[in-house]
């Protein structure tokens, strides 16, 4: 359905790709300007192509999480607000599974995904990196943790509508703080880093690649990431189960 809608409004779709590309190129220009205006080859121990590499990863994470849960969580919020979720609950399907994959917007995310993959490959080539199997495995783990956490938070922000209708602050906060993950942790105060790891974990949505490039992404940080995923995964699952009970009792 979302694919057909994209083709029905193809000029809007193409305009969206262009504006998204311009926005992302502006980010690249900003990073380049930091190095050029400062007359430095490194900032906080990283060169411009390492910044670009992480920019590609974080954009990929945002694009994939939007693809798999953005439209579905938005539809869920509207159904909760309008009361149309009742029709979904009486169907003989697994509610969590059905609602999580109800709407998938491949074409709306494919442009940003292509840009992010291209940026990553270009930066990887310019850096002359040769990751071994162990580093590639860590990188894949970082991607999985990042996409899962981003998706979980999209859904937690949607499930909050059951408890507090039209409560959209968490979703907006997540969208507005995602840029923190694009730059090294060393640029921020320690207290802010702690908040952005354990409370609103945007620093675990691609930023770990900085640690990987410095050889610091070991068992301790892997354990931290998996622990945070487990905690917020439990919160997500509990909100689904408890939220459905609350929704039923309220309607």
Protein backbone atom coordinates (compact mmCIF):
# COMPACT_ATOMS: atom_id res chain seq x y z
CA UNK A 1 0.00 0.00 0.00
CA UNK A 2 2.76 2.48 0.93
CA UNK A 3 4.63 1.61 -2.28
CA UNK A 4 1.56 2.25 -4.40
CA UNK A 5 0.96 5.54 -2.61
CA UNK A 6 4.55 6.60 -3.37
CA UNK A 7 4.01 6.01 -7.08
CA UNK A 8 0.68 7.84 -7.03
CA UNK A 9 2.48 10.94 -5.72
CA UNK A 10 5.75 10.40 -7.56
CA UNK A 11 6.71 14.07 -7.73
CA UNK A 12 6.30 14.42 -3.96
CA UNK A 13 8.38 11.28 -3.58
CA UNK A 14 11.16 12.58 -5.85
CA UNK A 15 11.10 15.97 -4.13
CA UNK A 16 11.51 14.19 -0.80
CA UNK A 17 14.59 12.35 -2.07
CA UNK A 18 16.14 15.60 -3.34
CA UNK A 19 15.50 17.54 -0.13
CA UNK A 20 16.82 14.64 1.96
CA UNK A 21 19.97 14.52 -0.17
CA UNK A 22 20.51 18.27 0.16
CA UNK A 23 20.06 18.01 3.95
CA UNK A 24 22.61 15.19 4.20
CA UNK A 25 25.09 16.99 1.94
CA UNK A 26 24.77 19.99 4.27
CA UNK A 27 25.89 17.73 7.11
CA UNK A 28 28.94 16.69 5.11
CA UNK A 29 29.74 20.31 4.36
CA UNK A 30 29.46 21.19 8.05
CA UNK A 31 31.97 18.48 9.02
CA UNK A 32 34.33 19.57 6.22
CA UNK A 33 34.03 23.17 7.41
CA UNK A 34 35.00 22.18 10.96
CA UNK A 35 38.31 20.83 9.72
CA UNK A 36 38.90 23.46 7.03
CA UNK A 37 38.12 26.49 9.18
CA UNK A 38 40.10 25.10 12.09
CA UNK A 39 43.07 24.25 9.90
CA UNK A 40 43.44 20.85 11.58
CA UNK A 41 43.79 17.31 10.27
CA UNK A 42 42.17 15.69 13.31
CA UNK A 43 39.50 16.55 15.87
CA UNK A 44 39.47 14.52 19.08
CA UNK A 45 41.75 11.98 17.41
CA UNK A 46 39.62 11.45 14.29
CA UNK A 47 40.11 12.74 10.75
CA UNK A 48 37.39 14.00 8.42
CA UNK A 49 36.87 10.64 6.68
CA UNK A 50 36.35 8.90 10.01
CA UNK A 51 33.64 11.45 10.74
CA UNK A 52 32.13 10.71 7.33
CA UNK A 53 32.26 6.97 7.98
CA UNK A 54 30.21 7.36 11.16
CA UNK A 55 27.83 9.77 9.42
CA UNK A 56 27.14 7.03 6.87
CA UNK A 57 26.54 4.44 9.58
CA UNK A 58 24.21 6.61 11.66
CA UNK A 59 22.19 7.62 8.58
CA UNK A 60 21.87 3.95 7.62
CA UNK A 61 20.59 3.12 11.11
CA UNK A 62 18.00 5.91 10.98
CA UNK A 63 16.88 4.84 7.49
CA UNK A 64 16.50 1.15 8.33
CA UNK A 65 14.64 1.78 11.59
CA UNK A 66 12.30 4.15 9.76
CA UNK A 67 11.75 1.55 7.05
CA UNK A 68 10.81 -1.24 9.47
CA UNK A 69 8.87 0.66 12.12
CA UNK A 70 8.36 4.35 11.29
CA UNK A 71 5.14 4.08 9.23
CA UNK A 72 3.73 1.24 11.37
CA UNK A 73 4.28 3.08 14.65
CA UNK A 74 2.73 6.22 13.14
CA UNK A 75 -0.33 4.25 12.01
CA UNK A 76 -0.54 2.71 15.50
CA UNK A 77 -0.59 6.15 17.15
CA UNK A 78 -3.40 7.29 14.85
CA UNK A 79 -5.40 4.12 15.51
CA UNK A 80 -5.05 4.54 19.28
CA UNK A 81 -6.19 8.15 19.05
CA UNK A 82 -9.15 7.42 16.76
CA UNK A 83 -10.19 4.16 18.43
CA UNK A 84 -9.65 2.14 15.27
CA UNK A 85 -7.22 -0.17 17.03
CA UNK A 86 -10.28 -2.15 18.20
CA UNK A 87 -10.68 -3.56 14.69
CA UNK A 88 -7.12 -4.88 14.80
CA UNK A 89 -7.50 -6.51 18.21
CA UNK A 90 -10.45 -8.72 17.22
CA UNK A 91 -8.59 -10.29 14.29
CA UNK A 92 -7.08 -13.76 14.89
CA UNK A 93 -3.49 -12.58 14.54
CA UNK A 94 -0.59 -11.84 16.85
CA UNK A 95 -1.17 -8.16 17.64
CA UNK A 96 2.49 -7.32 18.29
CA UNK A 97 3.69 -8.96 15.09
CA UNK A 98 0.89 -7.54 12.94
CA UNK A 99 1.18 -3.98 14.22
CA UNK A 100 4.99 -4.02 14.04
CA UNK A 101 5.00 -4.93 10.34
CA UNK A 102 1.68 -3.47 9.29
CA UNK A 103 3.17 -0.74 7.06
CA UNK A 104 6.64 -0.89 5.54
CA UNK A 105 7.81 2.06 3.49
CA UNK A 106 10.68 0.75 1.36
CA UNK A 107 10.59 3.45 -1.30
CA UNK A 108 10.50 6.29 1.23
CA UNK A 109 13.72 5.08 2.84
CA UNK A 110 15.64 3.67 -0.10
CA UNK A 111 17.13 7.01 -1.17
CA UNK A 112 18.61 7.72 2.27
CA UNK A 113 19.84 4.13 2.55
CA UNK A 114 21.61 4.32 -0.81
CA UNK A 115 23.25 7.62 0.21
CA UNK A 116 24.42 6.23 3.56
CA UNK A 117 25.86 3.04 2.02
CA UNK A 118 27.63 5.09 -0.66
CA UNK A 119 29.07 7.47 1.93
CA UNK A 120 30.31 4.58 4.06
CA UNK A 121 32.00 2.83 1.12
CA UNK A 122 33.63 6.09 -0.04
CA UNK A 123 34.94 6.92 3.45
CA UNK A 124 36.14 3.34 4.00
CA UNK A 125 38.06 3.50 0.71
CA UNK A 126 39.58 6.92 1.48
CA UNK A 127 40.72 5.69 4.90
CA UNK A 128 42.33 2.61 3.36
CA UNK A 129 40.80 0.40 6.04
CA UNK A 130 41.31 -3.37 5.96
CA UNK A 131 39.09 -4.82 8.66
CA UNK A 132 39.61 -8.47 9.48
CA UNK A 133 36.79 -10.93 10.16
CA UNK A 134 36.76 -10.07 13.88
CA UNK A 135 36.33 -6.34 13.22
CA UNK A 136 33.67 -6.98 10.57
CA UNK A 137 31.80 -9.12 13.10
CA UNK A 138 31.96 -6.31 15.65
CA UNK A 139 30.75 -3.85 13.04
CA UNK A 140 27.75 -6.06 12.18
CA UNK A 141 26.97 -6.34 15.90
CA UNK A 142 27.05 -2.54 16.21
CA UNK A 143 24.63 -2.23 13.29
CA UNK A 144 22.26 -4.78 14.82
CA UNK A 145 22.32 -3.14 18.26
CA UNK A 146 21.83 0.30 16.72
CA UNK A 147 18.88 -0.64 14.49
CA UNK A 148 17.18 -2.65 17.26
CA UNK A 149 17.50 0.17 19.81
CA UNK A 150 16.30 2.80 17.35
CA UNK A 151 13.30 0.64 16.43
CA UNK A 152 12.48 -0.12 20.05
CA UNK A 153 12.44 3.59 20.89
CA UNK A 154 10.19 4.38 17.95
CA UNK A 155 7.73 1.85 19.31
CA UNK A 156 8.03 2.90 22.94
CA UNK A 157 7.20 6.45 21.87
CA UNK A 158 4.12 5.12 20.03
CA UNK A 159 3.00 2.85 22.88
CA UNK A 160 3.06 5.82 25.26
CA UNK A 161 -0.05 7.06 23.44
CA UNK A 162 -2.02 4.30 25.20
CA UNK A 163 -1.02 5.71 28.58
CA UNK A 164 -0.96 9.40 27.64
CA UNK A 165 -2.87 10.21 24.42
CA UNK A 166 -1.00 12.54 22.05
CA UNK A 167 2.16 12.27 24.17
CA UNK A 168 4.66 12.80 21.36
CA UNK A 169 7.56 14.28 23.32
CA UNK A 170 9.70 11.12 23.34
CA UNK A 171 9.50 10.69 19.56
CA UNK A 172 10.39 14.33 18.99
CA UNK A 173 13.19 14.12 21.56
CA UNK A 174 14.62 11.06 19.83
CA UNK A 175 14.53 12.76 16.43
CA UNK A 176 16.12 15.93 17.79
CA UNK A 177 18.94 14.19 19.68
CA UNK A 178 19.96 11.70 16.99
CA UNK A 179 22.62 14.13 15.74
CA UNK A 180 24.54 13.60 19.00
CA UNK A 181 25.43 10.10 17.81
CA UNK A 182 27.20 11.44 14.71
CA UNK A 183 30.13 12.96 16.61
CA UNK A 184 32.67 11.51 19.10
CA UNK A 185 31.59 11.09 22.72
CA UNK A 186 34.64 13.04 23.84
CA UNK A 187 32.96 16.21 22.53
CA UNK A 188 30.26 16.03 25.22
CA UNK A 189 30.28 16.25 29.05
CA UNK A 190 30.46 12.92 30.88
CA UNK A 191 27.02 13.37 32.46
CA UNK A 192 25.42 14.00 29.06
CA UNK A 193 27.14 10.91 27.66
CA UNK A 194 25.74 8.83 30.52
CA UNK A 195 22.22 10.10 29.79
CA UNK A 196 22.62 9.45 26.06
CA UNK A 197 23.79 5.88 26.71
CA UNK A 198 21.56 4.60 29.50
CA UNK A 199 18.41 6.78 29.45
CA UNK A 200 17.98 7.99 25.87
CA UNK A 201 20.57 5.72 24.20
CA UNK A 202 21.18 7.60 20.95
CA UNK A 203 24.91 7.11 21.55
CA UNK A 204 24.32 3.41 20.96
CA UNK A 205 22.85 4.04 17.51
CA UNK A 206 26.03 4.00 15.44
CA UNK A 207 28.42 6.06 17.58
CA UNK A 208 30.23 2.88 18.70
CA UNK A 209 32.05 2.88 15.34
CA UNK A 210 34.33 5.57 16.78
CA UNK A 211 35.34 3.12 19.52
CA UNK A 212 35.78 0.38 16.90
CA UNK A 213 38.16 2.53 14.84
CA UNK A 214 40.25 3.29 17.94
CA UNK A 215 40.40 -0.38 18.96
CA UNK A 216 38.39 0.22 22.15
CA UNK A 217 35.25 -1.73 21.26
CA UNK A 218 35.88 -4.84 23.35
CA UNK A 219 33.90 -7.19 25.57
CA UNK A 220 33.10 -4.50 28.15
CA UNK A 221 31.42 -2.20 25.62
CA UNK A 222 29.75 -5.14 23.87
CA UNK A 223 28.30 -6.22 27.23
CA UNK A 224 27.12 -2.66 27.88
CA UNK A 225 25.35 -2.49 24.52
CA UNK A 226 23.66 -5.88 24.89
CA UNK A 227 22.59 -5.01 28.45
CA UNK A 228 20.95 -1.76 27.32
CA UNK A 229 19.18 -3.59 24.48
CA UNK A 230 17.90 -6.21 26.94
CA UNK A 231 16.54 -3.58 29.38
CA UNK A 232 14.75 -1.51 26.77
CA UNK A 233 13.59 -4.65 24.98
CA UNK A 234 11.91 -5.75 28.21
CA UNK A 235 10.31 -2.32 28.62
CA UNK A 236 9.01 -2.51 25.02
CA UNK A 237 7.55 -5.99 25.54
CA UNK A 238 5.97 -5.05 28.88
CA UNK A 239 4.39 -1.93 27.37
CA UNK A 240 2.84 -4.04 24.59
CA UNK A 241 1.34 -6.53 27.03
CA UNK A 242 0.21 -4.01 29.65
CA UNK A 243 -0.80 -1.44 27.04
CA UNK A 244 -3.19 -3.83 25.28
CA UNK A 245 -4.90 -4.55 28.62
CA UNK A 246 -5.25 -0.87 29.38
CA UNK A 247 -6.55 -0.12 25.90
CA UNK A 248 -9.15 -2.88 26.13
CA UNK A 249 -10.34 -1.79 29.56
CA UNK A 250 -10.63 1.82 28.38
CA UNK A 251 -12.71 0.97 25.30
